[in-house]
PDB file of N, CA and C in Angstrom:
ATOM      1  N   UNK A   1      39.632   3.917  28.625  1.00  0.00           N
ATOM      2  CA  UNK A   1      38.198   4.097  28.702  1.00  0.00           C
ATOM      3  C   UNK A   1      37.744   5.187  27.733  1.00  0.00           C
ATOM      4  N   UNK A   2      38.525   6.235  27.647  1.00  0.00           N
ATOM      5  CA  UNK A   2      38.179   7.329  26.756  1.00  0.00           C
ATOM      6  C   UNK A   2      38.233   6.882  25.295  1.00  0.00           C
ATOM      7  N   UNK A   3      39.144   5.983  24.991  1.00  0.00           N
ATOM      8  CA  UNK A   3      39.287   5.464  23.632  1.00  0.00           C
ATOM      9  C   UNK A   3      38.028   4.664  23.237  1.00  0.00           C
ATOM     10  N   UNK A   4      37.489   3.893  24.154  1.00  0.00           N
ATOM     11  CA  UNK A   4      36.281   3.094  23.898  1.00  0.00           C
ATOM     12  C   UNK A   4      35.078   4.014  23.669  1.00  0.00           C
ATOM     13  N   UNK A   5      34.979   5.077  24.467  1.00  0.00           N
ATOM     14  CA  UNK A   5      33.885   6.029  24.288  1.00  0.00           C
ATOM     15  C   UNK A   5      33.960   6.681  22.914  1.00  0.00           C
ATOM     16  N   UNK A   6      35.139   7.022  22.466  1.00  0.00           N
ATOM     17  CA  UNK A   6      35.320   7.635  21.141  1.00  0.00           C
ATOM     18  C   UNK A   6      34.871   6.665  20.053  1.00  0.00           C
ATOM     19  N   UNK A   7      35.231   5.405  20.200  1.00  0.00           N
ATOM     20  CA  UNK A   7      34.830   4.388  19.215  1.00  0.00           C
ATOM     21  C   UNK A   7      33.316   4.220  19.216  1.00  0.00           C
ATOM     22  N   UNK A   8      32.716   4.138  20.410  1.00  0.00           N
ATOM     23  CA  UNK A   8      31.266   3.972  20.496  1.00  0.00           C
ATOM     24  C   UNK A   8      30.529   5.174  19.906  1.00  0.00           C
ATOM     25  N   UNK A   9      31.005   6.381  20.164  1.00  0.00           N
ATOM     26  CA  UNK A   9      30.377   7.572  19.597  1.00  0.00           C
ATOM     27  C   UNK A   9      30.544   7.599  18.083  1.00  0.00           C
ATOM     28  N   UNK A  10      31.665   7.111  17.595  1.00  0.00           N
ATOM     29  CA  UNK A  10      31.892   7.036  16.152  1.00  0.00           C
ATOM     30  C   UNK A  10      30.965   6.032  15.482  1.00  0.00           C
ATOM     31  N   UNK A  11      30.619   4.980  16.184  1.00  0.00           N
ATOM     32  CA  UNK A  11      29.735   3.946  15.645  1.00  0.00           C
ATOM     33  C   UNK A  11      28.268   4.371  15.790  1.00  0.00           C
ATOM     34  N   UNK A  12      27.943   5.137  16.827  1.00  0.00           N
ATOM     35  CA  UNK A  12      26.549   5.501  17.118  1.00  0.00           C
ATOM     36  C   UNK A  12      25.914   6.301  15.975  1.00  0.00           C
ATOM     37  N   UNK A  13      26.655   7.222  15.392  1.00  0.00           N
ATOM     38  CA  UNK A  13      26.103   8.062  14.318  1.00  0.00           C
ATOM     39  C   UNK A  13      25.616   7.235  13.128  1.00  0.00           C
ATOM     40  N   UNK A  14      26.477   6.407  12.547  1.00  0.00           N
ATOM     41  CA  UNK A  14      26.032   5.587  11.416  1.00  0.00           C
ATOM     42  C   UNK A  14      24.911   4.604  11.791  1.00  0.00           C
ATOM     43  N   UNK A  15      24.937   4.094  13.007  1.00  0.00           N
ATOM     44  CA  UNK A  15      23.878   3.167  13.426  1.00  0.00           C
ATOM     45  C   UNK A  15      22.535   3.898  13.461  1.00  0.00           C
ATOM     46  N   UNK A  16      22.524   5.091  14.022  1.00  0.00           N
ATOM     47  CA  UNK A  16      21.285   5.868  14.095  1.00  0.00           C
ATOM     48  C   UNK A  16      20.799   6.208  12.684  1.00  0.00           C
ATOM     49  N   UNK A  17      21.715   6.620  11.812  1.00  0.00           N
ATOM     50  CA  UNK A  17      21.330   6.906  10.430  1.00  0.00           C
ATOM     51  C   UNK A  17      20.803   5.649   9.733  1.00  0.00           C
ATOM     52  N   UNK A  18      21.431   4.526  10.012  1.00  0.00           N
ATOM     53  CA  UNK A  18      20.972   3.266   9.426  1.00  0.00           C
ATOM     54  C   UNK A  18      19.573   2.900   9.881  1.00  0.00           C
ATOM     55  N   UNK A  19      19.294   3.100  11.153  1.00  0.00           N
ATOM     56  CA  UNK A  19      17.958   2.797  11.680  1.00  0.00           C
ATOM     57  C   UNK A  19      16.924   3.714  11.032  1.00  0.00           C
ATOM     58  N   UNK A  20      17.230   5.018  10.950  1.00  0.00           N
ATOM     59  CA  UNK A  20      16.297   5.946  10.304  1.00  0.00           C
ATOM     60  C   UNK A  20      16.105   5.604   8.829  1.00  0.00           C
ATOM     61  N   UNK A  21      17.191   5.233   8.156  1.00  0.00           N
ATOM     62  CA  UNK A  21      17.086   4.834   6.754  1.00  0.00           C
ATOM     63  C   UNK A  21      16.211   3.606   6.581  1.00  0.00           C
ATOM     64  N   UNK A  22      16.395   2.635   7.458  1.00  0.00           N
ATOM     65  CA  UNK A  22      15.589   1.413   7.412  1.00  0.00           C
ATOM     66  C   UNK A  22      14.115   1.726   7.642  1.00  0.00           C
ATOM     67  N   UNK A  23      13.821   2.542   8.655  1.00  0.00           N
ATOM     68  CA  UNK A  23      12.436   2.904   8.947  1.00  0.00           C
ATOM     69  C   UNK A  23      11.809   3.693   7.796  1.00  0.00           C
ATOM     70  N   UNK A  24      12.585   4.555   7.168  1.00  0.00           N
ATOM     71  CA  UNK A  24      12.084   5.332   6.037  1.00  0.00           C
ATOM     72  C   UNK A  24      11.735   4.402   4.877  1.00  0.00           C
ATOM     73  N   UNK A  25      12.611   3.426   4.626  1.00  0.00           N
ATOM     74  CA  UNK A  25      12.361   2.470   3.542  1.00  0.00           C
ATOM     75  C   UNK A  25      11.116   1.631   3.830  1.00  0.00           C
ATOM     76  N   UNK A  26      10.983   1.154   5.049  1.00  0.00           N
ATOM     77  CA  UNK A  26       9.794   0.368   5.415  1.00  0.00           C
ATOM     78  C   UNK A  26       8.539   1.222   5.258  1.00  0.00           C
ATOM     79  N   UNK A  27       8.595   2.471   5.709  1.00  0.00           N
ATOM     80  CA  UNK A  27       7.459   3.374   5.577  1.00  0.00           C
ATOM     81  C   UNK A  27       7.104   3.606   4.107  1.00  0.00           C
ATOM     82  N   UNK A  28       8.100   3.765   3.256  1.00  0.00           N
ATOM     83  CA  UNK A  28       7.864   3.966   1.827  1.00  0.00           C
ATOM     84  C   UNK A  28       7.177   2.757   1.216  1.00  0.00           C
ATOM     85  N   UNK A  29       7.656   1.573   1.578  1.00  0.00           N
ATOM     86  CA  UNK A  29       7.051   0.355   1.027  1.00  0.00           C
ATOM     87  C   UNK A  29       5.622   0.185   1.523  1.00  0.00           C
ATOM     88  N   UNK A  30       5.384   0.481   2.787  1.00  0.00           N
ATOM     89  CA  UNK A  30       4.020   0.392   3.312  1.00  0.00           C
ATOM     90  C   UNK A  30       3.093   1.368   2.594  1.00  0.00           C
ATOM     91  N   UNK A  31       3.565   2.568   2.364  1.00  0.00           N
ATOM     92  CA  UNK A  31       2.752   3.564   1.659  1.00  0.00           C
ATOM     93  C   UNK A  31       2.452   3.094   0.238  1.00  0.00           C
ATOM     94  N   UNK A  32       3.439   2.506  -0.431  1.00  0.00           N
ATOM     95  CA  UNK A  32       3.216   2.002  -1.791  1.00  0.00           C
ATOM     96  C   UNK A  32       2.191   0.876  -1.787  1.00  0.00           C
ATOM     97  N   UNK A  33       2.288  -0.018  -0.810  1.00  0.00           N
ATOM     98  CA  UNK A  33       1.323  -1.119  -0.713  1.00  0.00           C
ATOM     99  C   UNK A  33      -0.080  -0.597  -0.402  1.00  0.00           C
ATOM    100  N   UNK A  34      -0.165   0.432   0.425  1.00  0.00           N
ATOM    101  CA  UNK A  34      -1.470   1.022   0.730  1.00  0.00           C
ATOM    102  C   UNK A  34      -2.083   1.654  -0.517  1.00  0.00           C
ATOM    103  N   UNK A  35      -1.251   2.323  -1.332  1.00  0.00           N
ATOM    104  CA  UNK A  35      -1.761   2.904  -2.579  1.00  0.00           C
ATOM    105  C   UNK A  35      -2.231   1.801  -3.531  1.00  0.00           C
ATOM    106  N   UNK A  36      -1.462   0.723  -3.636  1.00  0.00           N
ATOM    107  CA  UNK A  36      -1.860  -0.412  -4.482  1.00  0.00           C
ATOM    108  C   UNK A  36      -3.173  -1.005  -4.002  1.00  0.00           C
ATOM    109  N   UNK A  37      -3.299  -1.181  -2.701  1.00  0.00           N
ATOM    110  CA  UNK A  37      -4.517  -1.751  -2.133  1.00  0.00           C
ATOM    111  C   UNK A  37      -5.723  -0.857  -2.422  1.00  0.00           C
ATOM    112  N   UNK A  38      -5.551   0.442  -2.278  1.00  0.00           N
ATOM    113  CA  UNK A  38      -6.640   1.373  -2.569  1.00  0.00           C
ATOM    114  C   UNK A  38      -7.027   1.302  -4.044  1.00  0.00           C
ATOM    115  N   UNK A  39      -6.028   1.193  -4.925  1.00  0.00           N
ATOM    116  CA  UNK A  39      -6.312   1.087  -6.362  1.00  0.00           C
ATOM    117  C   UNK A  39      -7.062  -0.208  -6.663  1.00  0.00           C
ATOM    118  N   UNK A  40      -6.661  -1.307  -6.024  1.00  0.00           N
ATOM    119  CA  UNK A  40      -7.362  -2.581  -6.217  1.00  0.00           C
ATOM    120  C   UNK A  40      -8.811  -2.473  -5.737  1.00  0.00           C
ATOM    121  N   UNK A  41      -9.006  -1.857  -4.592  1.00  0.00           N
ATOM    122  CA  UNK A  41     -10.370  -1.690  -4.073  1.00  0.00           C
ATOM    123  C   UNK A  41     -11.221  -0.870  -5.033  1.00  0.00           C
ATOM    124  N   UNK A  42     -10.634   0.195  -5.587  1.00  0.00           N
ATOM    125  CA  UNK A  42     -11.376   1.024  -6.542  1.00  0.00           C
ATOM    126  C   UNK A  42     -11.737   0.235  -7.793  1.00  0.00           C
ATOM    127  N   UNK A  43     -10.785  -0.574  -8.293  1.00  0.00           N
ATOM    128  CA  UNK A  43     -11.067  -1.390  -9.480  1.00  0.00           C
ATOM    129  C   UNK A  43     -12.140  -2.423  -9.195  1.00  0.00           C
ATOM    130  N   UNK A  44     -12.069  -3.053  -8.030  1.00  0.00           N
ATOM    131  CA  UNK A  44     -13.083  -4.052  -7.662  1.00  0.00           C
ATOM    132  C   UNK A  44     -14.453  -3.393  -7.573  1.00  0.00           C
ATOM    133  N   UNK A  45     -14.511  -2.210  -6.965  1.00  0.00           N
ATOM    134  CA  UNK A  45     -15.780  -1.497  -6.834  1.00  0.00           C
ATOM    135  C   UNK A  45     -16.339  -1.136  -8.209  1.00  0.00           C
ATOM    136  N   UNK A  46     -15.481  -0.632  -9.093  1.00  0.00           N
ATOM    137  CA  UNK A  46     -15.932  -0.257 -10.442  1.00  0.00           C
ATOM    138  C   UNK A  46     -16.400  -1.489 -11.210  1.00  0.00           C
ATOM    139  N   UNK A  47     -15.661  -2.588 -11.108  1.00  0.00           N
ATOM    140  CA  UNK A  47     -16.062  -3.813 -11.801  1.00  0.00           C
ATOM    141  C   UNK A  47     -17.368  -4.364 -11.243  1.00  0.00           C
ATOM    142  N   UNK A  48     -17.545  -4.268  -9.943  1.00  0.00           N
ATOM    143  CA  UNK A  48     -18.778  -4.728  -9.319  1.00  0.00           C
ATOM    144  C   UNK A  48     -19.965  -3.903  -9.797  1.00  0.00           C
ATOM    145  N   UNK A  49     -19.786  -2.599  -9.875  1.00  0.00           N
ATOM    146  CA  UNK A  49     -20.857  -1.725 -10.366  1.00  0.00           C
ATOM    147  C   UNK A  49     -21.175  -2.024 -11.824  1.00  0.00           C
ATOM    148  N   UNK A  50     -20.135  -2.250 -12.623  1.00  0.00           N
ATOM    149  CA  UNK A  50     -20.344  -2.565 -14.031  1.00  0.00           C
ATOM    150  C   UNK A  50     -21.084  -3.895 -14.180  1.00  0.00           C
ATOM    151  N   UNK A  51     -20.702  -4.875 -13.376  1.00  0.00           N
ATOM    152  CA  UNK A  51     -21.372  -6.177 -13.415  1.00  0.00           C
ATOM    153  C   UNK A  51     -22.839  -6.031 -13.016  1.00  0.00           C
ATOM    154  N   UNK A  52     -23.112  -5.207 -12.006  1.00  0.00           N
ATOM    155  CA  UNK A  52     -24.495  -4.975 -11.581  1.00  0.00           C
ATOM    156  C   UNK A  52     -25.301  -4.345 -12.719  1.00  0.00           C
ATOM    157  N   UNK A  53     -24.697  -3.416 -13.440  1.00  0.00           N
ATOM    158  CA  UNK A  53     -25.386  -2.795 -14.572  1.00  0.00           C
ATOM    159  C   UNK A  53     -25.704  -3.838 -15.644  1.00  0.00           C
ATOM    160  N   UNK A  54     -24.759  -4.739 -15.903  1.00  0.00           N
ATOM    161  CA  UNK A  54     -24.989  -5.793 -16.894  1.00  0.00           C
ATOM    162  C   UNK A  54     -26.125  -6.711 -16.458  1.00  0.00           C
ATOM    163  N   UNK A  55     -26.146  -7.066 -15.180  1.00  0.00           N
ATOM    164  CA  UNK A  55     -27.229  -7.915 -14.667  1.00  0.00           C
ATOM    165  C   UNK A  55     -28.580  -7.208 -14.801  1.00  0.00           C
ATOM    166  N   UNK A  56     -28.624  -5.929 -14.435  1.00  0.00           N
ATOM    167  CA  UNK A  56     -29.874  -5.173 -14.552  1.00  0.00           C
ATOM    168  C   UNK A  56     -30.330  -5.108 -16.001  1.00  0.00           C
ATOM    169  N   UNK A  57     -29.403  -4.887 -16.914  1.00  0.00           N
ATOM    170  CA  UNK A  57     -29.736  -4.830 -18.335  1.00  0.00           C
ATOM    171  C   UNK A  57     -30.241  -6.186 -18.821  1.00  0.00           C
ATOM    172  N   UNK A  58     -29.578  -7.275 -18.379  1.00  0.00           N
ATOM    173  CA  UNK A  58     -29.990  -8.614 -18.789  1.00  0.00           C
ATOM    174  C   UNK A  58     -31.391  -8.928 -18.267  1.00  0.00           C
ATOM    175  N   UNK A  59     -31.697  -8.571 -17.049  1.00  0.00           N
ATOM    176  CA  UNK A  59     -33.028  -8.833 -16.499  1.00  0.00           C
ATOM    177  C   UNK A  59     -34.080  -7.960 -17.184  1.00  0.00           C
ATOM    178  N   UNK A  60     -33.715  -6.736 -17.536  1.00  0.00           N
ATOM    179  CA  UNK A  60     -34.644  -5.855 -18.248  1.00  0.00           C
ATOM    180  C   UNK A  60     -34.966  -6.435 -19.623  1.00  0.00           C
ATOM    181  N   UNK A  61     -33.953  -6.908 -20.321  1.00  0.00           N
ATOM    182  CA  UNK A  61     -34.155  -7.529 -21.630  1.00  0.00           C
ATOM    183  C   UNK A  61     -35.028  -8.757 -21.490  1.00  0.00           C
ATOM    184  N   UNK A  62     -34.794  -9.567 -20.485  1.00  0.00           N
ATOM    185  CA  UNK A  62     -35.581 -10.788 -20.263  1.00  0.00           C
ATOM    186  C   UNK A  62     -37.042 -10.447 -19.998  1.00  0.00           C
ATOM    187  N   UNK A  63     -37.287  -9.391 -19.213  1.00  0.00           N
ATOM    188  CA  UNK A  63     -38.649  -8.988 -18.884  1.00  0.00           C
ATOM    189  C   UNK A  63     -39.389  -8.509 -20.139  1.00  0.00           C
ATOM    190  N   UNK A  64     -38.689  -7.785 -21.011  1.00  0.00           N
ATOM    191  CA  UNK A  64     -39.338  -7.271 -22.213  1.00  0.00           C
ATOM    192  C   UNK A  64     -39.619  -8.376 -23.209  1.00  0.00           C
ATOM    193  N   UNK A  65     -38.832  -9.447 -23.195  1.00  0.00           N
ATOM    194  CA  UNK A  65     -39.050 -10.574 -24.117  1.00  0.00           C
ATOM    195  C   UNK A  65     -40.282 -11.367 -23.696  1.00  0.00           C
ATOM    196  N   UNK A  66     -40.480 -11.537 -22.421  1.00  0.00           N
ATOM    197  CA  UNK A  66     -41.597 -12.354 -21.918  1.00  0.00           C
ATOM    198  C   UNK A  66     -42.882 -11.704 -22.112  1.00  0.00           C
TER     199      UNK A  66
END
């Protein structure tokens, strides 16, 4: 019985480290995806604002022509 406990304790350490390593990796990937998503949102917002400026300029030009 004591031999089995020694084996289980020997296995428990690497298993716990493996679980923490796995969770750390998942957390890192989630953080990277969140940063990418935020960057995409910022680009979409900037492009939307730029498009709005172009539309306003186009309508202003149209009004001055008429």
